[in-house]
Amino acid sequence: MFIHQNISVQTTDFMFENKPVKVIANRNEERIELAGLKVGPFEEGREYEVRFWIAQELESEGIVRFREEDMLDVVKLHKIHWKERVQPTNKVSSLPEEFFPRLRRYLSYLQKASNNNSEKLKNHEKSMRISRDIVNCRVKKIVSLASSPPLTAQALQNLTPEERTLYHCLQGIINDWRANILSLGGGET
């Protein structure tokens, strides 16, 4: 039997915040201390690996920038959306690594940037619509998968950790409900 681990959204966010990411230095900078950790020195144009939360702090100070290929944008969301929509209803497509933590941060960034920028506001609204549709489409598929006979680990490989938790919770609820419906006593009220 497949052993699963219930992973909450908060847990995946914590793991993501502490995962090493690659950044590119925008300028030369001496060694810096952040929350007791020393980072740097940085040389303009060179690539470095730091934990995500450190990268965010350095980016906010203009010292580094995230690599373009690691960032979500509306074009990448469209591709993910299209890929999900063309899959059969009983199959979920694979998502980029740490998709949901990246998505939450991308949407948060757009929301903050949209206060003073009408183009960013349009991107935020469009990205929210696409994101909701991706999530809704995947949730429908997960509900369908959870109500079918138990699946192998390979059948669940395209689910993110958060989605696997949802799948196993739903599967337990559905199985309990079925057992109560079909039991002679009808279960307790």
N, C-alpha and C. Protein backbone atom coordinates (compact mmCIF):
# COMPACT_ATOMS: atom_id res chain seq x y z
N MET A 1 0.84 -1.19 0.00
CA MET A 1 0.00 0.00 0.00
C MET A 1 0.88 1.24 0.00
N PHE A 2 0.43 2.27 -0.67
CA PHE A 2 1.14 3.55 -0.78
C PHE A 2 1.01 4.31 0.52
N ILE A 3 2.14 4.70 1.09
CA ILE A 3 2.13 5.50 2.32
C ILE A 3 2.23 6.96 1.93
N HIS A 4 1.35 7.76 2.47
CA HIS A 4 1.36 9.17 2.11
C HIS A 4 1.66 10.02 3.34
N GLN A 5 2.04 11.23 3.05
CA GLN A 5 2.33 12.19 4.11
C GLN A 5 1.41 13.38 3.89
N ASN A 6 0.65 13.74 4.91
CA ASN A 6 -0.20 14.92 4.81
C ASN A 6 0.68 16.16 4.94
N ILE A 7 0.70 16.95 3.88
CA ILE A 7 1.51 18.16 3.86
C ILE A 7 0.57 19.35 3.67
N SER A 8 0.63 20.25 4.62
CA SER A 8 -0.24 21.42 4.55
C SER A 8 0.36 22.49 3.65
N VAL A 9 -0.46 23.43 3.28
CA VAL A 9 0.00 24.57 2.48
C VAL A 9 1.07 25.34 3.25
N GLN A 10 0.88 25.49 4.56
CA GLN A 10 1.86 26.19 5.38
C GLN A 10 3.20 25.46 5.38
N THR A 11 3.17 24.13 5.42
CA THR A 11 4.41 23.35 5.40
C THR A 11 5.13 23.51 4.07
N THR A 12 4.39 23.44 2.97
CA THR A 12 5.05 23.61 1.66
C THR A 12 5.60 25.02 1.52
N ASP A 13 4.90 26.01 2.07
CA ASP A 13 5.41 27.38 2.03
C ASP A 13 6.70 27.51 2.84
N PHE A 14 6.72 26.90 4.02
CA PHE A 14 7.92 26.95 4.86
C PHE A 14 9.10 26.28 4.14
N MET A 15 8.85 25.11 3.57
CA MET A 15 9.91 24.40 2.85
C MET A 15 10.39 25.23 1.66
N PHE A 16 9.46 25.86 0.95
CA PHE A 16 9.82 26.69 -0.20
C PHE A 16 10.65 27.89 0.22
N GLU A 17 10.25 28.56 1.29
CA GLU A 17 10.96 29.74 1.78
C GLU A 17 12.42 29.42 2.12
N ASN A 18 12.68 28.18 2.53
CA ASN A 18 14.01 27.79 2.96
C ASN A 18 14.79 27.01 1.91
N LYS A 19 14.23 26.88 0.74
CA LYS A 19 14.90 26.15 -0.34
C LYS A 19 15.90 27.07 -1.05
N PRO A 20 17.06 26.53 -1.42
CA PRO A 20 18.02 27.34 -2.18
C PRO A 20 17.48 27.68 -3.57
N VAL A 21 17.68 28.92 -3.98
CA VAL A 21 17.31 29.37 -5.33
C VAL A 21 18.50 30.12 -5.93
N LYS A 22 18.50 30.20 -7.24
CA LYS A 22 19.58 30.91 -7.93
C LYS A 22 19.13 32.34 -8.24
N VAL A 23 20.04 33.26 -7.99
CA VAL A 23 19.79 34.68 -8.25
C VAL A 23 20.99 35.25 -8.98
N ILE A 24 20.79 36.40 -9.60
CA ILE A 24 21.86 37.08 -10.31
C ILE A 24 22.08 38.43 -9.63
N ALA A 25 23.33 38.73 -9.34
CA ALA A 25 23.67 39.99 -8.67
C ALA A 25 23.48 41.16 -9.62
N ASN A 26 22.78 42.19 -9.16
CA ASN A 26 22.56 43.41 -9.94
C ASN A 26 23.73 44.38 -9.82
N ARG A 27 24.49 44.23 -8.74
CA ARG A 27 25.60 45.16 -8.49
C ARG A 27 26.61 44.48 -7.57
N ASN A 28 27.76 45.08 -7.48
CA ASN A 28 28.78 44.62 -6.53
C ASN A 28 28.32 45.01 -5.13
N GLU A 29 28.48 44.09 -4.21
CA GLU A 29 28.04 44.35 -2.83
C GLU A 29 28.94 43.56 -1.89
N GLU A 30 29.33 44.21 -0.81
CA GLU A 30 30.16 43.55 0.21
C GLU A 30 29.32 42.52 0.95
N ARG A 31 29.95 41.79 1.80
CA ARG A 31 29.27 40.79 2.63
C ARG A 31 28.18 41.49 3.46
N ILE A 32 27.01 40.84 3.55
CA ILE A 32 25.84 41.40 4.24
C ILE A 32 25.41 40.42 5.32
N GLU A 33 24.89 40.96 6.42
CA GLU A 33 24.36 40.09 7.46
C GLU A 33 22.84 40.26 7.49
N LEU A 34 22.14 39.13 7.36
CA LEU A 34 20.67 39.10 7.41
C LEU A 34 20.25 38.11 8.49
N ALA A 35 19.54 38.58 9.47
CA ALA A 35 19.03 37.72 10.55
C ALA A 35 20.12 36.80 11.09
N GLY A 36 21.32 37.35 11.25
CA GLY A 36 22.42 36.58 11.81
C GLY A 36 23.18 35.73 10.81
N LEU A 37 22.73 35.69 9.56
CA LEU A 37 23.42 34.94 8.51
C LEU A 37 24.22 35.90 7.65
N LYS A 38 25.41 35.47 7.27
CA LYS A 38 26.24 36.30 6.39
C LYS A 38 26.13 35.78 4.97
N VAL A 39 25.86 36.70 4.04
CA VAL A 39 25.77 36.36 2.61
C VAL A 39 26.64 37.32 1.83
N GLY A 40 27.12 36.84 0.70
CA GLY A 40 27.97 37.67 -0.14
C GLY A 40 29.42 37.39 0.14
N PRO A 41 30.28 38.17 -0.43
CA PRO A 41 30.06 39.34 -1.27
C PRO A 41 29.46 38.95 -2.63
N PHE A 42 28.90 39.95 -3.32
CA PHE A 42 28.28 39.74 -4.61
C PHE A 42 29.01 40.53 -5.68
N GLU A 43 29.15 39.90 -6.83
CA GLU A 43 29.78 40.55 -7.97
C GLU A 43 28.74 40.69 -9.08
N GLU A 44 28.55 41.89 -9.58
CA GLU A 44 27.54 42.18 -10.58
C GLU A 44 27.58 41.18 -11.74
N GLY A 45 26.39 40.64 -12.09
CA GLY A 45 26.25 39.73 -13.22
C GLY A 45 26.49 38.27 -12.91
N ARG A 46 27.05 37.96 -11.74
CA ARG A 46 27.30 36.56 -11.38
C ARG A 46 26.07 35.94 -10.73
N GLU A 47 25.99 34.61 -10.87
CA GLU A 47 24.87 33.87 -10.32
C GLU A 47 25.27 33.30 -8.95
N TYR A 48 24.34 33.36 -8.01
CA TYR A 48 24.57 32.86 -6.66
C TYR A 48 23.38 32.02 -6.23
N GLU A 49 23.61 31.16 -5.24
CA GLU A 49 22.53 30.36 -4.69
C GLU A 49 22.35 30.74 -3.22
N VAL A 50 21.13 31.15 -2.89
CA VAL A 50 20.77 31.52 -1.52
C VAL A 50 19.38 30.98 -1.24
N ARG A 51 19.01 30.94 0.02
CA ARG A 51 17.65 30.51 0.37
C ARG A 51 16.66 31.55 -0.17
N PHE A 52 15.45 31.07 -0.48
CA PHE A 52 14.45 31.94 -1.11
C PHE A 52 14.19 33.20 -0.29
N TRP A 53 13.99 33.04 1.03
CA TRP A 53 13.66 34.21 1.85
C TRP A 53 14.79 35.23 1.84
N ILE A 54 16.03 34.76 1.76
CA ILE A 54 17.16 35.67 1.67
C ILE A 54 17.14 36.37 0.31
N ALA A 55 16.86 35.60 -0.73
CA ALA A 55 16.79 36.18 -2.09
C ALA A 55 15.74 37.28 -2.14
N GLN A 56 14.60 37.08 -1.48
CA GLN A 56 13.55 38.11 -1.46
C GLN A 56 14.05 39.39 -0.79
N GLU A 57 14.74 39.23 0.32
CA GLU A 57 15.28 40.40 1.02
C GLU A 57 16.30 41.13 0.15
N LEU A 58 17.20 40.37 -0.46
CA LEU A 58 18.22 40.97 -1.32
C LEU A 58 17.59 41.64 -2.54
N GLU A 59 16.53 41.02 -3.08
CA GLU A 59 15.84 41.60 -4.23
C GLU A 59 15.16 42.91 -3.84
N SER A 60 14.56 42.94 -2.67
CA SER A 60 13.87 44.17 -2.24
C SER A 60 14.84 45.33 -2.08
N GLU A 61 16.12 45.01 -1.84
CA GLU A 61 17.15 46.05 -1.71
C GLU A 61 17.84 46.33 -3.05
N GLY A 62 17.41 45.61 -4.11
CA GLY A 62 17.98 45.83 -5.43
C GLY A 62 19.35 45.19 -5.64
N ILE A 63 19.75 44.32 -4.74
CA ILE A 63 21.07 43.71 -4.82
C ILE A 63 21.09 42.55 -5.83
N VAL A 64 20.01 41.77 -5.87
CA VAL A 64 19.92 40.63 -6.79
C VAL A 64 18.57 40.64 -7.50
N ARG A 65 18.46 39.78 -8.50
CA ARG A 65 17.18 39.53 -9.17
C ARG A 65 17.06 38.03 -9.37
N PHE A 66 15.82 37.56 -9.41
CA PHE A 66 15.58 36.15 -9.68
C PHE A 66 15.81 35.88 -11.17
N ARG A 67 16.19 34.67 -11.49
CA ARG A 67 16.37 34.30 -12.89
C ARG A 67 15.00 34.25 -13.56
N GLU A 68 14.92 34.74 -14.79
CA GLU A 68 13.66 34.77 -15.53
C GLU A 68 13.02 33.39 -15.64
N GLU A 69 13.84 32.37 -15.90
CA GLU A 69 13.29 31.02 -16.11
C GLU A 69 12.67 30.44 -14.85
N ASP A 70 12.99 30.99 -13.68
CA ASP A 70 12.42 30.50 -12.43
C ASP A 70 11.14 31.23 -12.03
N MET A 71 10.81 32.29 -12.73
CA MET A 71 9.67 33.13 -12.35
C MET A 71 8.41 32.72 -13.12
N LEU A 72 7.28 32.83 -12.46
CA LEU A 72 5.99 32.63 -13.14
C LEU A 72 5.59 33.95 -13.79
N ASP A 73 4.86 33.85 -14.88
CA ASP A 73 4.26 35.02 -15.51
C ASP A 73 2.98 34.57 -16.19
N VAL A 74 2.26 35.51 -16.76
CA VAL A 74 0.96 35.20 -17.35
C VAL A 74 1.10 34.25 -18.55
N VAL A 75 2.19 34.34 -19.29
CA VAL A 75 2.41 33.43 -20.44
C VAL A 75 2.59 32.00 -19.94
N LYS A 76 3.40 31.82 -18.91
CA LYS A 76 3.61 30.47 -18.36
C LYS A 76 2.31 29.93 -17.77
N LEU A 77 1.53 30.80 -17.12
CA LEU A 77 0.24 30.36 -16.59
C LEU A 77 -0.70 29.90 -17.70
N HIS A 78 -0.70 30.63 -18.83
CA HIS A 78 -1.53 30.22 -19.97
C HIS A 78 -1.14 28.83 -20.45
N LYS A 79 0.15 28.56 -20.54
CA LYS A 79 0.62 27.24 -21.00
C LYS A 79 0.19 26.14 -20.04
N ILE A 80 0.33 26.40 -18.74
CA ILE A 80 -0.08 25.42 -17.73
C ILE A 80 -1.59 25.19 -17.82
N HIS A 81 -2.33 26.27 -17.97
CA HIS A 81 -3.79 26.20 -18.08
C HIS A 81 -4.20 25.37 -19.29
N TRP A 82 -3.61 25.65 -20.42
CA TRP A 82 -3.94 24.92 -21.65
C TRP A 82 -3.63 23.44 -21.48
N LYS A 83 -2.46 23.13 -20.93
CA LYS A 83 -2.04 21.74 -20.73
C LYS A 83 -3.02 21.00 -19.83
N GLU A 84 -3.50 21.67 -18.80
CA GLU A 84 -4.44 21.04 -17.87
C GLU A 84 -5.79 20.81 -18.53
N ARG A 85 -6.23 21.76 -19.32
CA ARG A 85 -7.55 21.67 -19.95
C ARG A 85 -7.62 20.56 -21.01
N VAL A 86 -6.49 20.25 -21.66
CA VAL A 86 -6.53 19.22 -22.72
C VAL A 86 -6.40 17.80 -22.16
N GLN A 87 -6.09 17.68 -20.87
CA GLN A 87 -5.98 16.35 -20.26
C GLN A 87 -7.38 15.76 -20.08
N PRO A 88 -7.48 14.43 -20.17
CA PRO A 88 -8.77 13.79 -19.87
C PRO A 88 -9.18 14.10 -18.42
N THR A 89 -10.46 13.96 -18.13
CA THR A 89 -10.98 14.33 -16.82
C THR A 89 -10.43 13.46 -15.69
N ASN A 90 -9.86 12.31 -16.02
CA ASN A 90 -9.32 11.44 -14.98
C ASN A 90 -7.79 11.52 -14.89
N LYS A 91 -7.19 12.54 -15.51
CA LYS A 91 -5.74 12.67 -15.51
C LYS A 91 -5.34 14.13 -15.27
N VAL A 92 -4.42 14.33 -14.32
CA VAL A 92 -3.89 15.67 -14.08
C VAL A 92 -2.53 15.79 -14.75
N SER A 93 -2.26 16.96 -15.26
CA SER A 93 -0.96 17.18 -15.90
C SER A 93 0.09 17.47 -14.82
N SER A 94 1.34 17.35 -15.18
CA SER A 94 2.40 17.68 -14.23
C SER A 94 2.52 19.21 -14.16
N LEU A 95 2.89 19.69 -13.01
CA LEU A 95 3.09 21.12 -12.80
C LEU A 95 4.57 21.38 -12.55
N PRO A 96 5.01 22.60 -12.81
CA PRO A 96 6.41 22.92 -12.46
C PRO A 96 6.64 22.71 -10.97
N GLU A 97 7.87 22.43 -10.61
CA GLU A 97 8.23 22.20 -9.22
C GLU A 97 7.82 23.39 -8.36
N GLU A 98 7.24 23.10 -7.20
CA GLU A 98 6.78 24.12 -6.25
C GLU A 98 5.83 25.13 -6.89
N PHE A 99 4.94 24.62 -7.73
CA PHE A 99 4.05 25.51 -8.47
C PHE A 99 3.20 26.39 -7.55
N PHE A 100 2.55 25.79 -6.57
CA PHE A 100 1.62 26.57 -5.75
C PHE A 100 2.32 27.62 -4.88
N PRO A 101 3.45 27.32 -4.23
CA PRO A 101 4.15 28.41 -3.52
C PRO A 101 4.59 29.53 -4.48
N ARG A 102 5.06 29.16 -5.66
CA ARG A 102 5.47 30.18 -6.63
C ARG A 102 4.26 30.99 -7.11
N LEU A 103 3.14 30.30 -7.32
CA LEU A 103 1.93 30.97 -7.78
C LEU A 103 1.46 31.99 -6.74
N ARG A 104 1.43 31.60 -5.47
CA ARG A 104 0.98 32.52 -4.41
C ARG A 104 1.86 33.76 -4.37
N ARG A 105 3.15 33.59 -4.52
CA ARG A 105 4.07 34.72 -4.47
C ARG A 105 3.94 35.60 -5.72
N TYR A 106 3.73 34.98 -6.86
CA TYR A 106 3.54 35.74 -8.10
C TYR A 106 2.27 36.59 -8.01
N LEU A 107 1.18 35.99 -7.55
CA LEU A 107 -0.08 36.73 -7.43
C LEU A 107 0.03 37.84 -6.39
N SER A 108 0.72 37.57 -5.30
CA SER A 108 0.93 38.60 -4.27
C SER A 108 1.75 39.76 -4.83
N TYR A 109 2.80 39.43 -5.57
CA TYR A 109 3.62 40.47 -6.20
C TYR A 109 2.78 41.34 -7.13
N LEU A 110 1.96 40.70 -7.99
CA LEU A 110 1.12 41.46 -8.92
C LEU A 110 0.12 42.34 -8.18
N GLN A 111 -0.44 41.78 -7.11
CA GLN A 111 -1.42 42.56 -6.34
C GLN A 111 -0.78 43.81 -5.76
N LYS A 112 0.41 43.67 -5.18
CA LYS A 112 1.10 44.83 -4.60
C LYS A 112 1.49 45.83 -5.69
N ALA A 113 1.98 45.31 -6.83
CA ALA A 113 2.43 46.18 -7.92
C ALA A 113 1.27 46.85 -8.63
N SER A 114 0.07 46.27 -8.53
CA SER A 114 -1.08 46.80 -9.27
C SER A 114 -1.65 48.07 -8.65
N ASN A 115 -1.24 48.39 -7.43
CA ASN A 115 -1.76 49.60 -6.78
C ASN A 115 -1.44 50.86 -7.57
N ASN A 116 -0.30 50.89 -8.22
CA ASN A 116 0.13 52.10 -8.93
C ASN A 116 0.28 51.88 -10.43
N ASN A 117 -0.11 50.71 -10.92
CA ASN A 117 0.20 50.38 -12.30
C ASN A 117 -0.99 49.65 -12.94
N SER A 118 -1.64 50.28 -13.92
CA SER A 118 -2.83 49.68 -14.52
C SER A 118 -2.48 48.42 -15.32
N GLU A 119 -1.29 48.36 -15.90
CA GLU A 119 -0.87 47.17 -16.64
C GLU A 119 -0.71 45.98 -15.69
N LYS A 120 -0.12 46.22 -14.54
CA LYS A 120 0.03 45.16 -13.54
C LYS A 120 -1.34 44.74 -12.99
N LEU A 121 -2.26 45.70 -12.88
CA LEU A 121 -3.61 45.37 -12.43
C LEU A 121 -4.29 44.43 -13.42
N LYS A 122 -4.16 44.71 -14.71
CA LYS A 122 -4.73 43.82 -15.74
C LYS A 122 -4.09 42.45 -15.67
N ASN A 123 -2.76 42.41 -15.51
CA ASN A 123 -2.06 41.13 -15.39
C ASN A 123 -2.51 40.36 -14.15
N HIS A 124 -2.73 41.09 -13.05
CA HIS A 124 -3.18 40.45 -11.83
C HIS A 124 -4.57 39.83 -12.03
N GLU A 125 -5.48 40.59 -12.59
CA GLU A 125 -6.84 40.09 -12.82
C GLU A 125 -6.83 38.88 -13.76
N LYS A 126 -6.07 38.97 -14.83
CA LYS A 126 -5.97 37.87 -15.80
C LYS A 126 -5.33 36.65 -15.15
N SER A 127 -4.25 36.86 -14.41
CA SER A 127 -3.56 35.75 -13.74
C SER A 127 -4.45 35.10 -12.69
N MET A 128 -5.25 35.90 -11.98
CA MET A 128 -6.18 35.33 -11.00
C MET A 128 -7.23 34.46 -11.67
N ARG A 129 -7.78 34.93 -12.79
CA ARG A 129 -8.78 34.12 -13.52
C ARG A 129 -8.18 32.79 -13.97
N ILE A 130 -7.02 32.85 -14.57
CA ILE A 130 -6.36 31.64 -15.06
C ILE A 130 -6.03 30.71 -13.89
N SER A 131 -5.51 31.28 -12.82
CA SER A 131 -5.13 30.48 -11.64
C SER A 131 -6.34 29.78 -11.03
N ARG A 132 -7.43 30.52 -10.89
CA ARG A 132 -8.66 29.91 -10.35
C ARG A 132 -9.12 28.76 -11.23
N ASP A 133 -9.05 28.94 -12.54
CA ASP A 133 -9.48 27.89 -13.45
C ASP A 133 -8.56 26.67 -13.35
N ILE A 134 -7.27 26.88 -13.23
CA ILE A 134 -6.33 25.76 -13.06
C ILE A 134 -6.68 25.00 -11.78
N VAL A 135 -6.84 25.74 -10.68
CA VAL A 135 -7.15 25.11 -9.39
C VAL A 135 -8.48 24.37 -9.46
N ASN A 136 -9.51 25.02 -9.99
CA ASN A 136 -10.83 24.38 -10.08
C ASN A 136 -10.80 23.12 -10.93
N CYS A 137 -10.11 23.19 -12.04
CA CYS A 137 -10.00 22.04 -12.93
C CYS A 137 -9.30 20.88 -12.22
N ARG A 138 -8.23 21.17 -11.52
CA ARG A 138 -7.48 20.14 -10.82
C ARG A 138 -8.28 19.58 -9.64
N VAL A 139 -9.01 20.44 -8.92
CA VAL A 139 -9.82 19.95 -7.80
C VAL A 139 -10.89 18.99 -8.30
N LYS A 140 -11.55 19.31 -9.41
CA LYS A 140 -12.56 18.41 -9.97
C LYS A 140 -11.95 17.06 -10.29
N LYS A 141 -10.75 17.07 -10.87
CA LYS A 141 -10.08 15.82 -11.21
C LYS A 141 -9.68 15.04 -9.96
N ILE A 142 -9.24 15.75 -8.93
CA ILE A 142 -8.85 15.10 -7.69
C ILE A 142 -10.06 14.46 -7.01
N VAL A 143 -11.19 15.15 -7.03
CA VAL A 143 -12.43 14.58 -6.47
C VAL A 143 -12.79 13.31 -7.22
N SER A 144 -12.68 13.35 -8.53
CA SER A 144 -12.98 12.17 -9.34
C SER A 144 -12.02 11.03 -9.02
N LEU A 145 -10.74 11.34 -8.92
CA LEU A 145 -9.75 10.31 -8.59
C LEU A 145 -9.99 9.73 -7.20
N ALA A 146 -10.33 10.59 -6.24
CA ALA A 146 -10.54 10.14 -4.86
C ALA A 146 -11.77 9.26 -4.72
N SER A 147 -12.73 9.40 -5.62
CA SER A 147 -13.95 8.60 -5.53
C SER A 147 -13.86 7.31 -6.35
N SER A 148 -12.76 7.11 -7.04
CA SER A 148 -12.55 5.87 -7.79
C SER A 148 -11.75 4.89 -6.94
N PRO A 149 -11.57 3.64 -7.41
CA PRO A 149 -10.78 2.68 -6.62
C PRO A 149 -9.39 3.25 -6.30
N PRO A 150 -8.79 2.80 -5.20
CA PRO A 150 -7.48 3.32 -4.80
C PRO A 150 -6.46 3.27 -5.95
N LEU A 151 -5.67 4.33 -6.03
CA LEU A 151 -4.70 4.44 -7.12
C LEU A 151 -3.29 4.12 -6.62
N THR A 152 -2.43 3.78 -7.54
CA THR A 152 -1.03 3.53 -7.21
C THR A 152 -0.29 4.85 -7.05
N ALA A 153 0.88 4.78 -6.47
CA ALA A 153 1.72 5.98 -6.31
C ALA A 153 2.03 6.58 -7.67
N GLN A 154 2.23 5.75 -8.67
CA GLN A 154 2.54 6.26 -10.01
C GLN A 154 1.37 7.04 -10.59
N ALA A 155 0.16 6.59 -10.32
CA ALA A 155 -1.03 7.29 -10.83
C ALA A 155 -1.17 8.67 -10.19
N LEU A 156 -0.58 8.84 -9.02
CA LEU A 156 -0.68 10.11 -8.29
C LEU A 156 0.55 10.98 -8.45
N GLN A 157 1.50 10.56 -9.27
CA GLN A 157 2.78 11.27 -9.35
C GLN A 157 2.67 12.72 -9.83
N ASN A 158 1.65 13.07 -10.60
CA ASN A 158 1.52 14.44 -11.09
C ASN A 158 0.82 15.37 -10.10
N LEU A 159 0.39 14.82 -8.97
CA LEU A 159 -0.21 15.67 -7.94
C LEU A 159 0.89 16.33 -7.13
N THR A 160 0.68 17.59 -6.78
CA THR A 160 1.63 18.28 -5.91
C THR A 160 1.45 17.73 -4.49
N PRO A 161 2.37 18.00 -3.58
CA PRO A 161 2.19 17.53 -2.20
C PRO A 161 0.87 18.01 -1.58
N GLU A 162 0.50 19.27 -1.84
CA GLU A 162 -0.76 19.79 -1.31
C GLU A 162 -1.95 19.03 -1.90
N GLU A 163 -1.87 18.71 -3.17
CA GLU A 163 -2.97 17.99 -3.83
C GLU A 163 -3.04 16.55 -3.36
N ARG A 164 -1.91 15.92 -3.07
CA ARG A 164 -1.93 14.55 -2.55
C ARG A 164 -2.62 14.52 -1.19
N THR A 165 -2.37 15.53 -0.38
CA THR A 165 -3.04 15.62 0.91
C THR A 165 -4.55 15.72 0.70
N LEU A 166 -4.98 16.59 -0.21
CA LEU A 166 -6.40 16.73 -0.52
C LEU A 166 -6.98 15.41 -1.01
N TYR A 167 -6.27 14.74 -1.92
CA TYR A 167 -6.72 13.45 -2.46
C TYR A 167 -6.95 12.45 -1.34
N HIS A 168 -5.97 12.29 -0.44
CA HIS A 168 -6.09 11.29 0.64
C HIS A 168 -7.20 11.66 1.63
N CYS A 169 -7.36 12.94 1.92
CA CYS A 169 -8.46 13.37 2.81
C CYS A 169 -9.81 13.06 2.18
N LEU A 170 -9.96 13.43 0.91
CA LEU A 170 -11.22 13.17 0.21
C LEU A 170 -11.49 11.67 0.10
N GLN A 171 -10.46 10.91 -0.21
CA GLN A 171 -10.62 9.47 -0.34
C GLN A 171 -11.12 8.87 0.98
N GLY A 172 -10.56 9.33 2.10
CA GLY A 172 -11.01 8.84 3.41
C GLY A 172 -12.45 9.20 3.69
N ILE A 173 -12.82 10.44 3.40
CA ILE A 173 -14.20 10.89 3.62
C ILE A 173 -15.17 10.09 2.75
N ILE A 174 -14.83 9.92 1.49
CA ILE A 174 -15.71 9.18 0.56
C ILE A 174 -15.83 7.73 0.97
N ASN A 175 -14.72 7.10 1.34
CA ASN A 175 -14.77 5.70 1.76
C ASN A 175 -15.59 5.52 3.03
N ASP A 176 -15.44 6.44 3.99
CA ASP A 176 -16.26 6.38 5.21
C ASP A 176 -17.73 6.56 4.89
N TRP A 177 -18.02 7.51 4.03
CA TRP A 177 -19.41 7.77 3.65
C TRP A 177 -20.02 6.54 2.98
N ARG A 178 -19.28 5.95 2.05
CA ARG A 178 -19.78 4.72 1.38
C ARG A 178 -20.03 3.61 2.38
N ALA A 179 -19.08 3.43 3.30
CA ALA A 179 -19.23 2.36 4.30
C ALA A 179 -20.48 2.60 5.16
N ASN A 180 -20.72 3.85 5.54
CA ASN A 180 -21.91 4.17 6.34
C ASN A 180 -23.19 3.98 5.55
N ILE A 181 -23.19 4.39 4.31
CA ILE A 181 -24.38 4.26 3.46
C ILE A 181 -24.74 2.79 3.25
N LEU A 182 -23.73 1.97 3.10
CA LEU A 182 -23.96 0.58 2.76
C LEU A 182 -24.03 -0.34 3.99
N SER A 183 -23.82 0.23 5.18
CA SER A 183 -23.87 -0.63 6.37
C SER A 183 -25.32 -0.85 6.78
N LEU A 184 -25.56 -1.98 7.38
CA LEU A 184 -26.90 -2.38 7.77
C LEU A 184 -27.51 -1.41 8.79
N GLY A 185 -26.68 -0.94 9.72
CA GLY A 185 -27.20 -0.02 10.74
C GLY A 185 -27.35 1.39 10.24
N GLY A 186 -26.76 1.71 9.09
CA GLY A 186 -26.86 3.05 8.54
C GLY A 186 -25.95 4.06 9.22
N GLY A 187 -25.16 3.61 10.19
CA GLY A 187 -24.23 4.53 10.85
C GLY A 187 -24.93 5.34 11.92
N GLU A 188 -24.14 6.05 12.67
CA GLU A 188 -24.69 6.88 13.75
C GLU A 188 -25.00 8.27 13.22
N THR A 189 -25.92 8.92 13.84
CA THR A 189 -26.29 10.29 13.45
C THR A 189 -25.75 11.29 14.42
